[in-house]
């Protein structure tokens, strides 16, 4: 994603344990490529499970308790996401013992990575760590290791998580978006004006991009 002289600014409110967030981004990424649009991309924090216990919860049990999802419905949804991911070049490796975790620490690390121009890379690595590798993205050691995989300093990542230097800033940013009505993710804002929610599909994102570009050109 271009960060200079981009055609469009895109702000994405999301969580790294949200499957539709990575699906939606991959659809958007393809739409950008197919329309030849460059984007200045900004990721923003959202916690799907802010009150979750440190040990997390079994994913299937969590979905059943939170949404009333049946075992059959859960399998169908996982199969659908896996197929969509494959078509978009992202691997979902669901398993019955997979767990859901809180992501407040992950968002703090993403805020830190922003200062080094590595936020997008880390975001993609965290999606893969959770959905592809089934890792605990609330664990500081795991998070620091993932940071190292995108050439961020592991020791500094550990220090960031230990001292919580970005905790308040992340909390304030979460509150900023929820105060503006964001209750579900992904939520994508184009040029600070046009909000699109949910994974819209590549063709719909292409239409949105074309509309946004036309409005920008006429202003």
Protein backbone atom coordinates (compact mmCIF):
# COMPACT_ATOMS: atom_id res chain seq x y z
CA UNK A 1 0.00 0.00 0.00
CA UNK A 2 1.37 3.37 -0.98
CA UNK A 3 1.79 5.91 1.80
CA UNK A 4 2.75 8.87 -0.43
CA UNK A 5 0.79 10.58 -3.19
CA UNK A 6 -1.96 8.00 -2.82
CA UNK A 7 -5.26 8.28 -4.69
CA UNK A 8 -7.37 7.60 -1.62
CA UNK A 9 -7.07 7.50 2.16
CA UNK A 10 -8.59 4.39 3.71
CA UNK A 11 -9.17 4.00 7.45
CA UNK A 12 -10.07 0.48 8.60
CA UNK A 13 -11.47 -0.26 12.04
CA UNK A 14 -10.95 -3.95 12.74
CA UNK A 15 -9.81 -6.74 15.03
CA UNK A 16 -7.18 -9.38 14.25
CA UNK A 17 -9.49 -12.19 15.45
CA UNK A 18 -12.31 -11.10 13.12
CA UNK A 19 -12.45 -13.39 10.06
CA UNK A 20 -14.55 -10.99 8.03
CA UNK A 21 -11.96 -8.28 8.63
CA UNK A 22 -9.24 -10.17 6.77
CA UNK A 23 -11.73 -11.34 4.12
CA UNK A 24 -12.92 -7.77 3.64
CA UNK A 25 -9.39 -6.44 3.43
CA UNK A 26 -8.36 -9.04 0.87
CA UNK A 27 -11.41 -8.13 -1.21
CA UNK A 28 -10.53 -4.44 -0.90
CA UNK A 29 -6.90 -5.15 -1.75
CA UNK A 30 -7.99 -6.91 -4.93
CA UNK A 31 -10.33 -4.04 -5.80
CA UNK A 32 -7.47 -1.56 -5.41
CA UNK A 33 -5.29 -3.67 -7.68
CA UNK A 34 -7.94 -4.17 -10.34
CA UNK A 35 -8.81 -0.47 -10.43
CA UNK A 36 -5.19 0.65 -10.32
CA UNK A 37 -5.90 2.72 -7.20
CA UNK A 38 -3.19 3.51 -4.67
CA UNK A 39 -4.18 3.85 -1.03
CA UNK A 40 -2.86 5.43 2.12
CA UNK A 41 -3.93 2.83 4.64
CA UNK A 42 -4.60 3.38 8.35
CA UNK A 43 -5.62 0.59 10.74
CA UNK A 44 -7.63 1.35 13.89
CA UNK A 45 -8.40 -0.80 16.95
CA UNK A 46 -11.59 -2.61 17.81
CA UNK A 47 -11.97 -5.41 20.37
CA UNK A 48 -14.55 -8.05 19.59
CA UNK A 49 -14.18 -9.46 23.10
CA UNK A 50 -13.01 -6.72 25.50
CA UNK A 51 -14.11 -8.61 28.60
CA UNK A 52 -12.69 -12.02 27.73
CA UNK A 53 -10.71 -13.90 30.38
CA UNK A 54 -6.92 -14.14 29.91
CA UNK A 55 -7.07 -17.83 28.99
CA UNK A 56 -9.58 -17.16 26.22
CA UNK A 57 -12.45 -19.45 25.24
CA UNK A 58 -12.97 -22.34 22.89
CA UNK A 59 -14.00 -20.67 19.64
CA UNK A 60 -16.96 -22.90 18.90
CA UNK A 61 -18.27 -22.59 22.48
CA UNK A 62 -17.70 -18.84 22.35
CA UNK A 63 -19.73 -18.44 19.16
CA UNK A 64 -22.50 -20.61 20.57
CA UNK A 65 -22.72 -18.51 23.73
CA UNK A 66 -22.39 -15.12 22.01
CA UNK A 67 -24.43 -15.65 18.84
CA UNK A 68 -26.35 -18.88 19.41
CA UNK A 69 -24.36 -20.58 16.65
CA UNK A 70 -25.06 -24.32 16.39
CA UNK A 71 -22.26 -26.84 15.76
CA UNK A 72 -23.65 -27.33 12.25
CA UNK A 73 -23.84 -23.59 11.67
CA UNK A 74 -20.30 -23.15 12.97
CA UNK A 75 -18.93 -25.79 10.60
CA UNK A 76 -20.79 -24.29 7.66
CA UNK A 77 -19.44 -20.81 8.47
CA UNK A 78 -15.89 -22.11 8.86
CA UNK A 79 -16.08 -23.98 5.57
CA UNK A 80 -17.40 -20.86 3.84
CA UNK A 81 -14.64 -18.67 5.29
CA UNK A 82 -11.98 -21.23 4.40
CA UNK A 83 -13.17 -21.35 0.80
CA UNK A 84 -13.36 -17.56 0.53
CA UNK A 85 -9.92 -17.26 2.08
CA UNK A 86 -8.45 -19.72 -0.40
CA UNK A 87 -9.90 -17.72 -3.29
CA UNK A 88 -8.32 -14.55 -1.87
CA UNK A 89 -4.94 -16.06 -0.98
CA UNK A 90 -5.44 -16.32 2.78
CA UNK A 91 -5.38 -19.59 4.73
CA UNK A 92 -7.89 -20.28 7.49
CA UNK A 93 -6.90 -23.37 9.48
CA UNK A 94 -9.86 -23.87 11.79
CA UNK A 95 -9.85 -26.66 14.36
CA UNK A 96 -12.32 -27.76 17.03
CA UNK A 97 -9.87 -26.84 19.81
CA UNK A 98 -9.17 -23.36 18.41
CA UNK A 99 -9.55 -20.60 20.98
CA UNK A 100 -10.74 -16.99 20.87
CA UNK A 101 -8.68 -14.35 22.69
CA UNK A 102 -8.77 -10.74 23.77
CA UNK A 103 -6.67 -8.46 21.54
CA UNK A 104 -5.97 -5.36 23.61
CA UNK A 105 -2.24 -6.15 23.73
CA UNK A 106 -2.17 -6.83 20.00
CA UNK A 107 -3.65 -3.40 19.31
CA UNK A 108 -1.03 -1.76 21.51
CA UNK A 109 1.69 -3.47 19.51
CA UNK A 110 0.07 -2.33 16.26
CA UNK A 111 0.08 1.24 17.52
CA UNK A 112 3.80 0.93 18.30
CA UNK A 113 4.51 -0.56 14.86
CA UNK A 114 2.86 2.46 13.26
CA UNK A 115 5.81 4.61 14.36
CA UNK A 116 8.12 2.46 12.22
CA UNK A 117 5.91 2.23 9.15
CA UNK A 118 5.27 -1.43 9.97
CA UNK A 119 1.66 -1.37 11.11
CA UNK A 120 0.23 -2.93 7.95
CA UNK A 121 2.83 -5.68 7.86
CA UNK A 122 2.24 -6.50 11.50
CA UNK A 123 -1.53 -6.49 11.02
CA UNK A 124 -1.24 -9.06 8.23
CA UNK A 125 1.16 -11.14 10.31
CA UNK A 126 -1.24 -11.12 13.27
CA UNK A 127 -4.16 -12.22 11.10
CA UNK A 128 -2.02 -15.12 9.90
CA UNK A 129 -0.77 -15.92 13.40
CA UNK A 130 -4.33 -16.33 14.66
CA UNK A 131 -6.22 -17.82 11.74
CA UNK A 132 -3.50 -19.75 9.92
CA UNK A 133 -1.17 -20.78 12.75
CA UNK A 134 -3.81 -20.80 15.54
CA UNK A 135 -1.54 -18.91 17.92
CA UNK A 136 -2.53 -17.06 21.10
CA UNK A 137 -2.46 -13.41 20.01
CA UNK A 138 -3.00 -12.26 23.60
CA UNK A 139 0.31 -13.82 24.72
CA UNK A 140 3.12 -11.21 24.98
CA UNK A 141 5.76 -13.74 23.92
CA UNK A 142 3.78 -14.70 20.83
CA UNK A 143 3.14 -11.06 19.98
CA UNK A 144 6.81 -10.15 20.32
CA UNK A 145 7.77 -13.09 18.12
CA UNK A 146 5.28 -12.03 15.45
CA UNK A 147 6.69 -8.50 15.64
CA UNK A 148 10.13 -9.95 15.03
CA UNK A 149 8.84 -11.74 11.93
CA UNK A 150 8.23 -8.35 10.29
CA UNK A 151 11.65 -7.04 11.32
CA UNK A 152 10.57 -5.13 14.39
CA UNK A 153 12.75 -5.25 17.49
CA UNK A 154 11.64 -8.16 19.67
CA UNK A 155 13.05 -6.79 22.93
CA UNK A 156 11.40 -3.41 22.34
CA UNK A 157 8.11 -5.14 21.49
CA UNK A 158 8.30 -6.98 24.80
CA UNK A 159 8.98 -3.70 26.61
CA UNK A 160 6.02 -2.01 24.90
CA UNK A 161 3.71 -4.77 26.09
CA UNK A 162 5.19 -4.88 29.57
CA UNK A 163 4.96 -1.18 30.33
CA UNK A 164 1.70 -0.55 28.46
CA UNK A 165 2.90 2.76 27.08
CA UNK A 166 0.25 2.77 24.34
CA UNK A 167 -2.60 1.31 26.41
CA UNK A 168 -4.36 4.61 27.09
CA UNK A 169 -3.96 5.81 23.52
CA UNK A 170 -5.45 2.60 22.15
CA UNK A 171 -8.34 2.78 24.60
CA UNK A 172 -9.06 6.37 23.59
CA UNK A 173 -9.00 5.45 19.91
CA UNK A 174 -11.37 2.54 20.50
CA UNK A 175 -13.72 4.92 22.30
CA UNK A 176 -13.42 7.44 19.45
CA UNK A 177 -14.79 4.94 16.94
CA UNK A 178 -17.48 3.43 19.15
CA UNK A 179 -18.67 6.94 20.03
CA UNK A 180 -19.21 7.43 16.30
CA UNK A 181 -21.45 4.44 16.02
CA UNK A 182 -19.01 1.69 15.08
CA UNK A 183 -20.41 -1.44 16.71
CA UNK A 184 -19.17 -4.08 14.29
CA UNK A 185 -16.17 -4.62 12.04
CA UNK A 186 -14.75 -4.26 9.51
CA UNK A 187 -15.70 -0.62 9.17
CA UNK A 188 -13.96 1.12 6.29
CA UNK A 189 -13.86 4.89 5.83
CA UNK A 190 -12.80 6.32 2.47
CA UNK A 191 -11.25 9.81 2.40
CA UNK A 192 -12.55 10.49 5.93
CA UNK A 193 -16.09 10.78 4.56
CA UNK A 194 -17.59 7.58 3.17
CA UNK A 195 -18.26 4.70 5.57
CA UNK A 196 -18.71 1.13 4.35
CA UNK A 197 -19.33 -1.69 6.84
CA UNK A 198 -18.84 -5.41 6.48
CA UNK A 199 -16.94 -7.42 3.88
CA UNK A 200 -18.56 -6.04 0.74
CA UNK A 201 -16.93 -8.16 -1.96
CA UNK A 202 -14.39 -7.13 -4.57
CA UNK A 203 -16.89 -5.81 -7.11
CA UNK A 204 -18.70 -3.67 -4.55
CA UNK A 205 -15.41 -2.28 -3.28
CA UNK A 206 -14.45 -1.43 -6.86
CA UNK A 207 -17.71 0.48 -7.26
CA UNK A 208 -17.09 2.33 -4.00
CA UNK A 209 -13.56 3.25 -5.07
CA UNK A 210 -14.76 4.53 -8.42
CA UNK A 211 -17.45 6.64 -6.73
CA UNK A 212 -15.00 8.01 -4.16
CA UNK A 213 -12.48 8.87 -6.87
CA UNK A 214 -15.14 10.59 -8.97
CA UNK A 215 -16.29 12.66 -6.01
CA UNK A 216 -12.71 13.62 -5.20
CA UNK A 217 -12.08 14.67 -8.80
CA UNK A 218 -15.21 16.85 -8.89
CA UNK A 219 -14.55 18.62 -5.61
